Amino acid sequence: RQAKLIEPRGPVLDRQIAQLQALLKNANTPIELMLRSDMETEVILLKVARLGRFAQHQLSLRPGVYTAVGSRNGYRDVRHTFTVNHGNTPPPVMIVCAEKI
């Protein structure tokens, strides 16, 4: 906002303001993501939500790096870190505890 108040503004500053506005808009625009599991694994998306057990779960997330954690009694916990970027649809993320302990 303060940059818009600067006078006189040249073409370089105008271009930088426009680029910053576009970046901020993209950073706040949620992106659809599909999580898949096996109906047995408890899934938590760290710092976002406890999702529970499901076969598939659709989420809208802002761009960033996320970590999904899966746990199941008698099985090794799994962690999957993934990145959500603006401009491309992320592939489905599979969270399944499959290794018995």
N, C-alpha and C. Protein backbone atom coordinates (compact mmCIF):
# COMPACT_ATOMS: atom_id res chain seq x y z
N ARG A 1 0.82 -1.20 0.00
CA ARG A 1 0.00 0.00 0.00
C ARG A 1 0.86 1.25 0.00
N GLN A 2 1.93 1.22 0.79
CA GLN A 2 2.77 2.41 0.88
C GLN A 2 3.46 2.70 -0.45
N ALA A 3 3.80 1.64 -1.18
CA ALA A 3 4.48 1.84 -2.47
C ALA A 3 3.57 2.57 -3.45
N LYS A 4 2.26 2.35 -3.36
CA LYS A 4 1.33 3.03 -4.26
C LYS A 4 1.23 4.52 -3.98
N LEU A 5 1.60 4.93 -2.77
CA LEU A 5 1.51 6.34 -2.38
C LEU A 5 2.72 7.15 -2.82
N ILE A 6 3.77 6.48 -3.26
CA ILE A 6 5.00 7.18 -3.66
C ILE A 6 4.74 7.96 -4.95
N GLU A 7 5.10 9.22 -4.92
CA GLU A 7 4.97 10.07 -6.11
C GLU A 7 6.28 10.82 -6.29
N PRO A 8 6.82 11.01 -7.43
CA PRO A 8 6.38 10.43 -8.69
C PRO A 8 6.82 8.96 -8.78
N ARG A 9 5.99 8.16 -9.44
CA ARG A 9 6.29 6.74 -9.65
C ARG A 9 6.71 6.54 -11.09
N GLY A 10 7.76 5.80 -11.26
CA GLY A 10 8.21 5.50 -12.62
C GLY A 10 7.69 4.13 -13.07
N PRO A 11 8.02 3.76 -14.29
CA PRO A 11 7.54 2.48 -14.83
C PRO A 11 8.12 1.27 -14.09
N VAL A 12 9.33 1.40 -13.57
CA VAL A 12 9.94 0.28 -12.83
C VAL A 12 9.17 0.01 -11.55
N LEU A 13 8.86 1.05 -10.79
CA LEU A 13 8.10 0.87 -9.55
C LEU A 13 6.69 0.37 -9.85
N ASP A 14 6.05 0.88 -10.89
CA ASP A 14 4.72 0.39 -11.27
C ASP A 14 4.76 -1.10 -11.58
N ARG A 15 5.78 -1.54 -12.31
CA ARG A 15 5.92 -2.96 -12.65
C ARG A 15 6.16 -3.80 -11.39
N GLN A 16 6.99 -3.31 -10.48
CA GLN A 16 7.26 -4.03 -9.24
C GLN A 16 6.01 -4.14 -8.37
N ILE A 17 5.22 -3.08 -8.31
CA ILE A 17 3.97 -3.10 -7.54
C ILE A 17 3.02 -4.14 -8.14
N ALA A 18 2.90 -4.16 -9.46
CA ALA A 18 2.00 -5.12 -10.13
C ALA A 18 2.46 -6.55 -9.88
N GLN A 19 3.78 -6.79 -9.94
CA GLN A 19 4.31 -8.13 -9.70
C GLN A 19 4.04 -8.57 -8.26
N LEU A 20 4.23 -7.67 -7.32
CA LEU A 20 3.98 -7.99 -5.92
C LEU A 20 2.51 -8.28 -5.67
N GLN A 21 1.62 -7.51 -6.28
CA GLN A 21 0.19 -7.76 -6.12
C GLN A 21 -0.19 -9.14 -6.67
N ALA A 22 0.39 -9.51 -7.81
CA ALA A 22 0.10 -10.83 -8.40
C ALA A 22 0.62 -11.95 -7.50
N LEU A 23 1.82 -11.77 -6.95
CA LEU A 23 2.39 -12.79 -6.05
C LEU A 23 1.53 -12.96 -4.80
N LEU A 24 1.09 -11.85 -4.23
CA LEU A 24 0.25 -11.92 -3.03
C LEU A 24 -1.09 -12.59 -3.33
N LYS A 25 -1.66 -12.29 -4.48
CA LYS A 25 -2.93 -12.92 -4.85
C LYS A 25 -2.75 -14.43 -5.00
N ASN A 26 -1.68 -14.85 -5.68
CA ASN A 26 -1.42 -16.28 -5.86
C ASN A 26 -1.15 -16.99 -4.54
N ALA A 27 -0.45 -16.32 -3.64
CA ALA A 27 -0.11 -16.93 -2.35
C ALA A 27 -1.34 -17.15 -1.48
N ASN A 28 -2.40 -16.40 -1.73
CA ASN A 28 -3.62 -16.53 -0.92
C ASN A 28 -4.73 -17.29 -1.63
N THR A 29 -4.47 -17.79 -2.83
CA THR A 29 -5.48 -18.53 -3.58
C THR A 29 -5.35 -20.02 -3.27
N PRO A 30 -6.38 -20.63 -2.67
CA PRO A 30 -6.30 -22.07 -2.35
C PRO A 30 -6.25 -22.93 -3.61
N ILE A 31 -5.57 -24.06 -3.47
CA ILE A 31 -5.41 -25.03 -4.55
C ILE A 31 -5.99 -26.36 -4.08
N GLU A 32 -6.73 -27.02 -4.95
CA GLU A 32 -7.34 -28.31 -4.62
C GLU A 32 -6.28 -29.40 -4.58
N LEU A 33 -6.37 -30.26 -3.58
CA LEU A 33 -5.44 -31.38 -3.41
C LEU A 33 -6.23 -32.59 -2.97
N MET A 34 -5.88 -33.76 -3.50
CA MET A 34 -6.53 -35.00 -3.13
C MET A 34 -5.56 -35.82 -2.27
N LEU A 35 -6.02 -36.21 -1.08
CA LEU A 35 -5.28 -37.14 -0.23
C LEU A 35 -5.97 -38.49 -0.33
N ARG A 36 -5.18 -39.56 -0.39
CA ARG A 36 -5.74 -40.91 -0.43
C ARG A 36 -5.13 -41.73 0.69
N SER A 37 -5.94 -42.65 1.22
CA SER A 37 -5.48 -43.53 2.28
C SER A 37 -6.21 -44.86 2.15
N ASP A 38 -6.13 -45.70 3.20
CA ASP A 38 -6.66 -47.06 3.13
C ASP A 38 -7.82 -47.34 4.09
N MET A 39 -8.41 -46.32 4.66
CA MET A 39 -9.50 -46.46 5.63
C MET A 39 -9.04 -47.08 6.95
N GLU A 40 -7.75 -47.34 7.10
CA GLU A 40 -7.20 -47.93 8.32
C GLU A 40 -6.23 -46.98 9.01
N THR A 41 -5.61 -46.12 8.24
CA THR A 41 -4.57 -45.21 8.73
C THR A 41 -5.21 -43.91 9.20
N GLU A 42 -4.83 -43.48 10.41
CA GLU A 42 -5.25 -42.17 10.93
C GLU A 42 -4.32 -41.12 10.31
N VAL A 43 -4.88 -40.13 9.66
CA VAL A 43 -4.08 -39.13 8.96
C VAL A 43 -4.24 -37.76 9.61
N ILE A 44 -3.11 -37.12 9.82
CA ILE A 44 -3.07 -35.75 10.34
C ILE A 44 -2.27 -34.91 9.35
N LEU A 45 -2.80 -33.78 8.97
CA LEU A 45 -2.05 -32.81 8.18
C LEU A 45 -1.52 -31.79 9.18
N LEU A 46 -0.21 -31.86 9.46
CA LEU A 46 0.38 -31.07 10.53
C LEU A 46 0.05 -29.59 10.40
N LYS A 47 -0.32 -28.98 11.51
CA LYS A 47 -0.66 -27.57 11.63
C LYS A 47 -1.87 -27.16 10.79
N VAL A 48 -2.63 -28.17 10.30
CA VAL A 48 -3.82 -27.86 9.50
C VAL A 48 -5.05 -28.54 10.09
N ALA A 49 -5.04 -29.89 10.13
CA ALA A 49 -6.24 -30.60 10.59
C ALA A 49 -5.95 -32.06 10.88
N ARG A 50 -6.75 -32.62 11.77
CA ARG A 50 -6.78 -34.06 12.01
C ARG A 50 -7.85 -34.60 11.08
N LEU A 51 -7.45 -35.37 10.09
CA LEU A 51 -8.37 -35.80 9.04
C LEU A 51 -9.01 -37.15 9.31
N GLY A 52 -8.40 -37.97 10.16
CA GLY A 52 -8.97 -39.27 10.49
C GLY A 52 -8.71 -40.31 9.41
N ARG A 53 -9.62 -41.29 9.34
CA ARG A 53 -9.50 -42.38 8.36
C ARG A 53 -10.39 -42.08 7.17
N PHE A 54 -9.88 -42.39 5.99
CA PHE A 54 -10.65 -42.12 4.77
C PHE A 54 -10.04 -42.88 3.61
N ALA A 55 -10.80 -43.01 2.54
CA ALA A 55 -10.29 -43.57 1.29
C ALA A 55 -9.70 -42.44 0.45
N GLN A 56 -10.44 -41.33 0.37
CA GLN A 56 -9.90 -40.13 -0.27
C GLN A 56 -10.55 -38.91 0.35
N HIS A 57 -9.77 -37.85 0.38
CA HIS A 57 -10.21 -36.61 1.04
C HIS A 57 -9.72 -35.44 0.20
N GLN A 58 -10.63 -34.58 -0.21
CA GLN A 58 -10.28 -33.40 -1.01
C GLN A 58 -10.08 -32.20 -0.08
N LEU A 59 -8.99 -31.47 -0.28
CA LEU A 59 -8.67 -30.29 0.52
C LEU A 59 -8.38 -29.11 -0.39
N SER A 60 -8.60 -27.91 0.14
CA SER A 60 -8.16 -26.68 -0.51
C SER A 60 -7.09 -26.07 0.38
N LEU A 61 -5.87 -26.00 -0.14
CA LEU A 61 -4.73 -25.49 0.63
C LEU A 61 -4.08 -24.33 -0.10
N ARG A 62 -3.60 -23.36 0.68
CA ARG A 62 -2.81 -22.29 0.08
C ARG A 62 -1.43 -22.83 -0.28
N PRO A 63 -0.76 -22.21 -1.24
CA PRO A 63 0.58 -22.67 -1.60
C PRO A 63 1.49 -22.73 -0.38
N GLY A 64 2.32 -23.77 -0.34
CA GLY A 64 3.25 -23.94 0.76
C GLY A 64 3.71 -25.38 0.87
N VAL A 65 4.49 -25.65 1.91
CA VAL A 65 5.00 -26.99 2.18
C VAL A 65 4.20 -27.57 3.34
N TYR A 66 3.71 -28.78 3.16
CA TYR A 66 2.87 -29.45 4.15
C TYR A 66 3.44 -30.83 4.47
N THR A 67 3.12 -31.33 5.66
CA THR A 67 3.50 -32.68 6.05
C THR A 67 2.28 -33.43 6.54
N ALA A 68 2.02 -34.57 5.92
CA ALA A 68 0.94 -35.46 6.35
C ALA A 68 1.57 -36.60 7.13
N VAL A 69 0.96 -36.94 8.26
CA VAL A 69 1.46 -38.03 9.11
C VAL A 69 0.36 -39.07 9.21
N GLY A 70 0.74 -40.33 8.98
CA GLY A 70 -0.20 -41.43 9.12
C GLY A 70 0.23 -42.33 10.26
N SER A 71 -0.74 -42.80 11.05
CA SER A 71 -0.43 -43.74 12.13
C SER A 71 -1.51 -44.81 12.19
N ARG A 72 -1.08 -46.00 12.63
CA ARG A 72 -1.98 -47.15 12.74
C ARG A 72 -1.36 -48.11 13.75
N ASN A 73 -2.18 -48.61 14.66
CA ASN A 73 -1.68 -49.54 15.67
C ASN A 73 -1.05 -50.76 15.01
N GLY A 74 0.17 -51.11 15.49
CA GLY A 74 0.87 -52.27 14.97
C GLY A 74 1.65 -52.01 13.70
N TYR A 75 1.67 -50.76 13.23
CA TYR A 75 2.36 -50.40 12.00
C TYR A 75 3.26 -49.20 12.23
N ARG A 76 4.31 -49.11 11.42
CA ARG A 76 5.22 -47.97 11.50
C ARG A 76 4.52 -46.72 10.96
N ASP A 77 4.67 -45.61 11.69
CA ASP A 77 4.11 -44.34 11.23
C ASP A 77 4.79 -43.90 9.93
N VAL A 78 4.06 -43.17 9.12
CA VAL A 78 4.63 -42.63 7.88
C VAL A 78 4.47 -41.11 7.87
N ARG A 79 5.41 -40.45 7.24
CA ARG A 79 5.37 -38.99 7.06
C ARG A 79 5.61 -38.72 5.58
N HIS A 80 4.81 -37.84 5.04
CA HIS A 80 4.98 -37.47 3.64
C HIS A 80 4.93 -35.94 3.56
N THR A 81 6.05 -35.34 3.16
CA THR A 81 6.11 -33.89 2.99
C THR A 81 5.92 -33.58 1.51
N PHE A 82 5.06 -32.62 1.22
CA PHE A 82 4.77 -32.28 -0.17
C PHE A 82 4.59 -30.77 -0.28
N THR A 83 4.74 -30.28 -1.50
CA THR A 83 4.63 -28.85 -1.77
C THR A 83 3.43 -28.59 -2.66
N VAL A 84 2.67 -27.58 -2.29
CA VAL A 84 1.54 -27.12 -3.10
C VAL A 84 1.97 -25.80 -3.74
N ASN A 85 1.99 -25.78 -5.07
CA ASN A 85 2.40 -24.59 -5.81
C ASN A 85 1.24 -24.04 -6.62
N HIS A 86 1.25 -22.74 -6.82
CA HIS A 86 0.26 -22.12 -7.69
C HIS A 86 0.64 -22.40 -9.13
N GLY A 87 -0.33 -22.64 -9.97
CA GLY A 87 -0.04 -22.82 -11.38
C GLY A 87 -0.01 -24.26 -11.84
N ASN A 88 -0.05 -25.22 -10.91
CA ASN A 88 -0.12 -26.61 -11.34
C ASN A 88 -0.95 -27.41 -10.33
N THR A 89 -1.63 -28.42 -10.82
CA THR A 89 -2.43 -29.27 -9.95
C THR A 89 -1.54 -30.34 -9.35
N PRO A 90 -1.45 -30.40 -8.02
CA PRO A 90 -0.58 -31.40 -7.41
C PRO A 90 -1.16 -32.80 -7.59
N PRO A 91 -0.29 -33.80 -7.73
CA PRO A 91 -0.78 -35.18 -7.83
C PRO A 91 -1.37 -35.62 -6.49
N PRO A 92 -2.24 -36.63 -6.49
CA PRO A 92 -2.79 -37.12 -5.22
C PRO A 92 -1.67 -37.59 -4.29
N VAL A 93 -1.85 -37.35 -3.00
CA VAL A 93 -0.87 -37.76 -2.00
C VAL A 93 -1.42 -38.99 -1.30
N MET A 94 -0.63 -40.08 -1.26
CA MET A 94 -1.06 -41.34 -0.65
C MET A 94 -0.40 -41.49 0.71
N ILE A 95 -1.22 -41.68 1.75
CA ILE A 95 -0.73 -41.86 3.12
C ILE A 95 -1.27 -43.19 3.63
N VAL A 96 -0.39 -44.20 3.71
CA VAL A 96 -0.80 -45.53 4.16
C VAL A 96 0.30 -46.12 5.03
N CYS A 97 -0.06 -46.59 6.22
CA CYS A 97 0.87 -47.32 7.06
C CYS A 97 0.83 -48.78 6.61
N ALA A 98 1.92 -49.27 6.02
CA ALA A 98 1.93 -50.61 5.44
C ALA A 98 2.97 -51.53 6.07
N GLU A 99 3.93 -50.96 6.81
CA GLU A 99 5.02 -51.77 7.37
C GLU A 99 4.69 -52.18 8.80
N LYS A 100 4.45 -53.49 9.00
CA LYS A 100 4.14 -54.00 10.34
C LYS A 100 5.37 -53.93 11.23
N ILE A 101 5.09 -53.72 12.54
CA ILE A 101 6.20 -53.73 13.50
C ILE A 101 5.96 -54.80 14.55
